[in-house]
Amino acid sequence: MKKLNLFLGILSLLAALGLVYANLTLPPESLWFDIGYGNMPWVPPIIFGIVGIALLATAGIGRPSEAAPETPPVIQDPEKAALNKRLENIAWGCFLVLWGGSMFWGAIAPNNPIRDGLWSIAVGLILLGLNVARYFRQIKMSGFTTVLGVISVVGGIVQLFGVKDLEGAFLLIILGAYLILKPWFDQRQLFGKAEEK
C-alpha cells in the first residue's frame, strides 16, 4: 500500500468536502474562482474530488504490502573513512582561515571592504573542492555539500554583478535541478557515505 497516496487522497477529499460545504452555506459572492468565464466556485471541489479519488485508487488499499528488496550490507573501508576525515579537516581549516582572514581584513582596512559575493564564492569553492578531491580519490561525494557549494558560487557571482535578494530563487532552481538529475547521480553512485566501498 502506498501510504503517501492514501494520505494525499484523504486530504484532497477532505478539501473537496470543505469546499462543497462552503459553496452550499456561504453566499455566492463570498467565494470567487475565476477561470476566465466568470465566477465558478464549484470547479475547485470537483478538481479536488477527482484528484482524491485518483490518489485513493492508486494507493493499493486491500493489497498485501510488497516486501522491500533486501539491500546488501554496507562494507566500510577504514582507509577511505580516514582519508575522508582528513579531507574534511583540510576543508574546515581552509574555511576557518578564510573566515579569520576576512575578519583581519575588516580590521586593518575598514575603508576598503571585500566586495559582496567574494566570500560566498570562496566558501563555495572550498565545498566543491572538497568533493572534487573525494571524487578523484574514489570516495563518494556528499550531495549536501555539493549543492551548498553550487548555491554559494552562483549566489556569489550574482552578488558580484550587483543583483540582490535572488538567493532564494537560485536555491529553488539548483535544488530542482538536483532532483531532476538525481537518477543520473544515483545510477553512477557518485553520492553517498564516504566510508562505503
C-alpha atoms as a PDB file:
ATOM      1  CA  MET A   1       0.000   0.000   0.000  1.00  0.00           C
ATOM      2  CA  LYS A   2       1.258   3.464  -0.880  1.00  0.00           C
ATOM      3  CA  LYS A   3       0.802   5.488   2.283  1.00  0.00           C
ATOM      4  CA  LEU A   4       1.569   8.836   0.637  1.00  0.00           C
ATOM      5  CA  ASN A   5      -1.161   8.313  -1.980  1.00  0.00           C
ATOM      6  CA  LEU A   6      -3.580   7.278   0.757  1.00  0.00           C
ATOM      7  CA  PHE A   7      -2.773  10.338   2.879  1.00  0.00           C
ATOM      8  CA  LEU A   8      -2.931  12.790  -0.045  1.00  0.00           C
ATOM      9  CA  GLY A   9      -6.141  11.189  -1.349  1.00  0.00           C
ATOM     10  CA  ILE A  10      -7.871  11.570   2.003  1.00  0.00           C
ATOM     11  CA  LEU A  11      -6.563  15.137   2.295  1.00  0.00           C
ATOM     12  CA  SER A  12      -7.859  16.003  -1.207  1.00  0.00           C
ATOM     13  CA  LEU A  13     -11.286  14.538  -0.467  1.00  0.00           C
ATOM     14  CA  LEU A  14     -11.465  16.479   2.815  1.00  0.00           C
ATOM     15  CA  ALA A  15     -10.572  19.677   0.942  1.00  0.00           C
ATOM     16  CA  ALA A  16     -13.273  18.889  -1.644  1.00  0.00           C
ATOM     17  CA  LEU A  17     -15.859  18.295   1.099  1.00  0.00           C
ATOM     18  CA  GLY A  18     -14.870  21.533   2.837  1.00  0.00           C
ATOM     19  CA  LEU A  19     -15.241  23.491  -0.399  1.00  0.00           C
ATOM     20  CA  VAL A  20     -18.616  21.857  -1.144  1.00  0.00           C
ATOM     21  CA  TYR A  21     -19.799  22.814   2.352  1.00  0.00           C
ATOM     22  CA  ALA A  22     -18.551  26.387   1.830  1.00  0.00           C
ATOM     23  CA  ASN A  23     -20.319  26.577  -1.560  1.00  0.00           C
ATOM     24  CA  LEU A  24     -23.591  25.401  -0.037  1.00  0.00           C
ATOM     25  CA  THR A  25     -23.563  27.594   3.074  1.00  0.00           C
ATOM     26  CA  LEU A  26     -21.883  30.851   2.034  1.00  0.00           C
ATOM     27  CA  PRO A  27     -23.340  33.452  -0.335  1.00  0.00           C
ATOM     28  CA  PRO A  28     -22.068  33.139  -3.942  1.00  0.00           C
ATOM     29  CA  GLU A  29     -20.180  36.454  -3.858  1.00  0.00           C
ATOM     30  CA  SER A  30     -18.041  35.355  -0.871  1.00  0.00           C
ATOM     31  CA  LEU A  31     -16.396  32.515  -2.841  1.00  0.00           C
ATOM     32  CA  TRP A  32     -14.717  33.553  -6.026  1.00  0.00           C
ATOM     33  CA  PHE A  33     -12.940  31.304  -8.504  1.00  0.00           C
ATOM     34  CA  ASP A  34     -12.476  32.877 -11.920  1.00  0.00           C
ATOM     35  CA  ILE A  35     -11.069  30.838 -14.799  1.00  0.00           C
ATOM     36  CA  GLY A  36     -11.864  33.420 -17.481  1.00  0.00           C
ATOM     37  CA  TYR A  37     -15.597  32.766 -17.811  1.00  0.00           C
ATOM     38  CA  GLY A  38     -16.816  34.386 -14.619  1.00  0.00           C
ATOM     39  CA  ASN A  39     -17.251  33.023 -11.114  1.00  0.00           C
ATOM     40  CA  MET A  40     -17.176  29.205 -10.994  1.00  0.00           C
ATOM     41  CA  PRO A  41     -16.768  28.276  -7.312  1.00  0.00           C
ATOM     42  CA  TRP A  42     -17.761  24.644  -7.951  1.00  0.00           C
ATOM     43  CA  VAL A  43     -14.624  23.916 -10.058  1.00  0.00           C
ATOM     44  CA  PRO A  44     -12.128  23.519  -7.128  1.00  0.00           C
ATOM     45  CA  PRO A  45     -14.276  20.937  -5.252  1.00  0.00           C
ATOM     46  CA  ILE A  46     -14.640  18.905  -8.444  1.00  0.00           C
ATOM     47  CA  ILE A  47     -10.883  19.024  -9.116  1.00  0.00           C
ATOM     48  CA  PHE A  48     -10.011  18.106  -5.517  1.00  0.00           C
ATOM     49  CA  GLY A  49     -12.595  15.303  -5.593  1.00  0.00           C
ATOM     50  CA  ILE A  50     -11.221  13.806  -8.824  1.00  0.00           C
ATOM     51  CA  VAL A  51      -7.623  14.047  -7.584  1.00  0.00           C
ATOM     52  CA  GLY A  52      -8.607  12.488  -4.241  1.00  0.00           C
ATOM     53  CA  ILE A  53     -10.393   9.576  -5.908  1.00  0.00           C
ATOM     54  CA  ALA A  54      -7.462   9.006  -8.285  1.00  0.00           C
ATOM     55  CA  LEU A  55      -4.978   9.018  -5.405  1.00  0.00           C
ATOM     56  CA  LEU A  56      -7.075   6.598  -3.371  1.00  0.00           C
ATOM     57  CA  ALA A  57      -7.454   4.331  -6.410  1.00  0.00           C
ATOM     58  CA  THR A  58      -3.677   4.175  -6.835  1.00  0.00           C
ATOM     59  CA  ALA A  59      -2.966   3.726  -3.124  1.00  0.00           C
ATOM     60  CA  GLY A  60      -3.395  -0.041  -3.376  1.00  0.00           C
ATOM     61  CA  ILE A  61      -5.741  -0.417  -0.410  1.00  0.00           C
ATOM     62  CA  GLY A  62      -6.531  -4.076   0.272  1.00  0.00           C
ATOM     63  CA  ARG A  63      -3.475  -5.433  -1.499  1.00  0.00           C
ATOM     64  CA  PRO A  64      -0.767  -7.068   0.557  1.00  0.00           C
ATOM     65  CA  SER A  65       2.240  -4.911   1.207  1.00  0.00           C
ATOM     66  CA  GLU A  66       5.183  -5.538  -1.036  1.00  0.00           C
ATOM     67  CA  ALA A  67       8.281  -6.760   0.717  1.00  0.00           C
ATOM     68  CA  ALA A  68      11.105  -4.292   0.479  1.00  0.00           C
ATOM     69  CA  PRO A  69      14.016  -5.620  -1.541  1.00  0.00           C
ATOM     70  CA  GLU A  70      16.950  -6.594   0.599  1.00  0.00           C
ATOM     71  CA  THR A  71      19.834  -4.200   0.380  1.00  0.00           C
ATOM     72  CA  PRO A  72      23.296  -5.624   0.541  1.00  0.00           C
ATOM     73  CA  PRO A  73      25.173  -4.868   3.753  1.00  0.00           C
ATOM     74  CA  VAL A  74      27.329  -1.771   3.629  1.00  0.00           C
ATOM     75  CA  ILE A  75      31.000  -2.654   3.641  1.00  0.00           C
ATOM     76  CA  GLN A  76      33.020   0.071   5.301  1.00  0.00           C
ATOM     77  CA  ASP A  77      36.533   0.831   4.212  1.00  0.00           C
ATOM     78  CA  PRO A  78      38.531   2.252   7.160  1.00  0.00           C
ATOM     79  CA  GLU A  79      41.187   3.645   4.814  1.00  0.00           C
ATOM     80  CA  LYS A  80      38.603   5.662   2.875  1.00  0.00           C
ATOM     81  CA  ALA A  81      36.978   6.798   6.116  1.00  0.00           C
ATOM     82  CA  ALA A  82      40.321   8.102   7.413  1.00  0.00           C
ATOM     83  CA  LEU A  83      41.102   9.834   4.110  1.00  0.00           C
ATOM     84  CA  ASN A  84      37.649  11.409   4.037  1.00  0.00           C
ATOM     85  CA  LYS A  85      38.122  12.688   7.599  1.00  0.00           C
ATOM     86  CA  ARG A  86      41.456  14.207   6.593  1.00  0.00           C
ATOM     87  CA  LEU A  87      39.899  15.905   3.549  1.00  0.00           C
ATOM     88  CA  GLU A  88      37.065  17.268   5.697  1.00  0.00           C
ATOM     89  CA  ASN A  89      39.582  18.625   8.230  1.00  0.00           C
ATOM     90  CA  ILE A  90      41.502  20.348   5.421  1.00  0.00           C
ATOM     91  CA  ALA A  91      38.263  21.914   4.130  1.00  0.00           C
ATOM     92  CA  TRP A  92      37.347  23.088   7.640  1.00  0.00           C
ATOM     93  CA  GLY A  93      40.838  24.529   8.032  1.00  0.00           C
ATOM     94  CA  CYS A  94      40.511  26.447   4.750  1.00  0.00           C
ATOM     95  CA  PHE A  95      37.104  27.731   5.826  1.00  0.00           C
ATOM     96  CA  LEU A  96      38.386  28.943   9.210  1.00  0.00           C
ATOM     97  CA  VAL A  97      41.452  30.592   7.621  1.00  0.00           C
ATOM     98  CA  LEU A  98      39.132  32.335   5.142  1.00  0.00           C
ATOM     99  CA  TRP A  99      36.821  33.481   7.914  1.00  0.00           C
ATOM    100  CA  GLY A 100      39.697  34.728  10.072  1.00  0.00           C
ATOM    101  CA  GLY A 101      41.305  36.427   7.076  1.00  0.00           C
ATOM    102  CA  SER A 102      38.099  38.290   6.274  1.00  0.00           C
ATOM    103  CA  MET A 103      37.846  39.441   9.903  1.00  0.00           C
ATOM    104  CA  PHE A 104      41.502  40.503   9.825  1.00  0.00           C
ATOM    105  CA  TRP A 105      40.974  42.361   6.541  1.00  0.00           C
ATOM    106  CA  GLY A 106      37.959  44.165   8.011  1.00  0.00           C
ATOM    107  CA  ALA A 107      40.072  45.286  10.983  1.00  0.00           C
ATOM    108  CA  ILE A 108      43.118  46.536   9.050  1.00  0.00           C
ATOM    109  CA  ALA A 109      41.295  48.041   6.054  1.00  0.00           C
ATOM    110  CA  PRO A 110      37.819  49.178   7.149  1.00  0.00           C
ATOM    111  CA  ASN A 111      37.632  51.686   4.269  1.00  0.00           C
ATOM    112  CA  ASN A 112      38.390  49.012   1.654  1.00  0.00           C
ATOM    113  CA  PRO A 113      35.917  46.159   2.317  1.00  0.00           C
ATOM    114  CA  ILE A 114      35.882  42.895   0.425  1.00  0.00           C
ATOM    115  CA  ARG A 115      33.313  43.027  -2.390  1.00  0.00           C
ATOM    116  CA  ASP A 116      29.967  41.354  -1.822  1.00  0.00           C
ATOM    117  CA  GLY A 117      29.968  37.885  -3.271  1.00  0.00           C
ATOM    118  CA  LEU A 118      33.659  37.047  -2.908  1.00  0.00           C
ATOM    119  CA  TRP A 119      33.059  35.436   0.491  1.00  0.00           C
ATOM    120  CA  SER A 120      30.259  33.272  -0.951  1.00  0.00           C
ATOM    121  CA  ILE A 121      32.350  32.260  -3.960  1.00  0.00           C
ATOM    122  CA  ALA A 122      35.303  31.305  -1.746  1.00  0.00           C
ATOM    123  CA  VAL A 123      33.134  29.190   0.585  1.00  0.00           C
ATOM    124  CA  GLY A 124      31.509  27.508  -2.419  1.00  0.00           C
ATOM    125  CA  LEU A 125      34.893  26.734  -3.954  1.00  0.00           C
ATOM    126  CA  ILE A 126      36.051  25.159  -0.680  1.00  0.00           C
ATOM    127  CA  LEU A 127      32.956  22.916  -0.585  1.00  0.00           C
ATOM    128  CA  LEU A 128      33.226  21.992  -4.262  1.00  0.00           C
ATOM    129  CA  GLY A 129      36.981  21.450  -3.908  1.00  0.00           C
ATOM    130  CA  LEU A 130      36.330  19.015  -1.062  1.00  0.00           C
ATOM    131  CA  ASN A 131      34.011  16.997  -3.291  1.00  0.00           C
ATOM    132  CA  VAL A 132      36.393  17.118  -6.266  1.00  0.00           C
ATOM    133  CA  ALA A 133      39.140  15.732  -4.013  1.00  0.00           C
ATOM    134  CA  ARG A 134      36.758  12.997  -2.862  1.00  0.00           C
ATOM    135  CA  TYR A 135      35.865  12.163  -6.471  1.00  0.00           C
ATOM    136  CA  PHE A 136      39.482  11.814  -7.598  1.00  0.00           C
ATOM    137  CA  ARG A 137      40.260   9.627  -4.556  1.00  0.00           C
ATOM    138  CA  GLN A 138      37.301   7.314  -5.393  1.00  0.00           C
ATOM    139  CA  ILE A 139      35.395   8.402  -2.286  1.00  0.00           C
ATOM    140  CA  LYS A 140      31.667   9.011  -2.611  1.00  0.00           C
ATOM    141  CA  MET A 141      30.855  12.704  -2.647  1.00  0.00           C
ATOM    142  CA  SER A 142      28.400  14.439  -0.328  1.00  0.00           C
ATOM    143  CA  GLY A 143      25.313  15.629  -2.167  1.00  0.00           C
ATOM    144  CA  PHE A 144      24.621  18.164   0.585  1.00  0.00           C
ATOM    145  CA  THR A 145      27.971  19.958   0.362  1.00  0.00           C
ATOM    146  CA  THR A 146      27.928  19.768  -3.445  1.00  0.00           C
ATOM    147  CA  VAL A 147      24.545  21.505  -3.639  1.00  0.00           C
ATOM    148  CA  LEU A 148      25.607  24.051  -0.993  1.00  0.00           C
ATOM    149  CA  GLY A 149      28.816  24.732  -2.917  1.00  0.00           C
ATOM    150  CA  VAL A 150      26.971  25.311  -6.188  1.00  0.00           C
ATOM    151  CA  ILE A 151      24.431  27.578  -4.474  1.00  0.00           C
ATOM    152  CA  SER A 152      27.222  29.528  -2.795  1.00  0.00           C
ATOM    153  CA  VAL A 153      29.234  30.027  -6.001  1.00  0.00           C
ATOM    154  CA  VAL A 154      26.192  31.011  -8.092  1.00  0.00           C
ATOM    155  CA  GLY A 155      24.915  33.321  -5.349  1.00  0.00           C
ATOM    156  CA  GLY A 156      28.339  34.960  -5.031  1.00  0.00           C
ATOM    157  CA  ILE A 157      28.622  35.537  -8.781  1.00  0.00           C
ATOM    158  CA  VAL A 158      25.156  37.091  -8.802  1.00  0.00           C
ATOM    159  CA  GLN A 159      26.147  39.343  -5.875  1.00  0.00           C
ATOM    160  CA  LEU A 160      29.282  40.438  -7.755  1.00  0.00           C
ATOM    161  CA  PHE A 161      27.045  41.705 -10.545  1.00  0.00           C
ATOM    162  CA  GLY A 162      25.120  43.766  -8.002  1.00  0.00           C
ATOM    163  CA  VAL A 163      21.898  41.770  -8.017  1.00  0.00           C
ATOM    164  CA  LYS A 164      20.422  41.444  -4.535  1.00  0.00           C
ATOM    165  CA  ASP A 165      17.798  39.187  -2.949  1.00  0.00           C
ATOM    166  CA  LEU A 166      17.841  36.413  -5.572  1.00  0.00           C
ATOM    167  CA  GLU A 167      19.434  33.748  -3.376  1.00  0.00           C
ATOM    168  CA  GLY A 168      16.061  32.129  -2.711  1.00  0.00           C
ATOM    169  CA  ALA A 169      15.304  31.847  -6.418  1.00  0.00           C
ATOM    170  CA  PHE A 170      18.696  30.282  -7.109  1.00  0.00           C
ATOM    171  CA  LEU A 171      18.217  27.905  -4.185  1.00  0.00           C
ATOM    172  CA  LEU A 172      14.962  26.650  -5.692  1.00  0.00           C
ATOM    173  CA  ILE A 173      16.415  26.378  -9.214  1.00  0.00           C
ATOM    174  CA  ILE A 174      19.500  24.462  -8.070  1.00  0.00           C
ATOM    175  CA  LEU A 175      17.523  22.155  -5.771  1.00  0.00           C
ATOM    176  CA  GLY A 176      15.077  21.477  -8.609  1.00  0.00           C
ATOM    177  CA  ALA A 177      17.937  20.708 -10.992  1.00  0.00           C
ATOM    178  CA  TYR A 178      19.439  18.383  -8.382  1.00  0.00           C
ATOM    179  CA  LEU A 179      16.150  16.499  -8.070  1.00  0.00           C
ATOM    180  CA  ILE A 180      15.896  16.211 -11.858  1.00  0.00           C
ATOM    181  CA  LEU A 181      19.470  14.908 -12.130  1.00  0.00           C
ATOM    182  CA  LYS A 182      19.237  12.674  -9.031  1.00  0.00           C
ATOM    183  CA  PRO A 183      18.526   9.472 -11.036  1.00  0.00           C
ATOM    184  CA  TRP A 184      21.670  10.130 -13.088  1.00  0.00           C
ATOM    185  CA  PHE A 185      23.708  10.642  -9.892  1.00  0.00           C
ATOM    186  CA  ASP A 186      22.201   7.509  -8.324  1.00  0.00           C
ATOM    187  CA  GLN A 187      22.969   5.430 -11.412  1.00  0.00           C
ATOM    188  CA  ARG A 188      26.630   6.434 -11.258  1.00  0.00           C
ATOM    189  CA  GLN A 189      26.676   6.159  -7.445  1.00  0.00           C
ATOM    190  CA  LEU A 190      28.512   9.470  -7.083  1.00  0.00           C
ATOM    191  CA  PHE A 191      26.946  10.467  -3.773  1.00  0.00           C
ATOM    192  CA  GLY A 192      26.708   8.512  -0.546  1.00  0.00           C
ATOM    193  CA  LYS A 193      28.645   7.754   2.584  1.00  0.00           C
ATOM    194  CA  ALA A 194      32.353   8.206   2.186  1.00  0.00           C
ATOM    195  CA  GLU A 195      33.200   5.015   4.075  1.00  0.00           C
ATOM    196  CA  GLU A 196      31.377   2.759   1.601  1.00  0.00           C
ATOM    197  CA  LYS A 197      33.404   0.708  -0.831  1.00  0.00           C
END
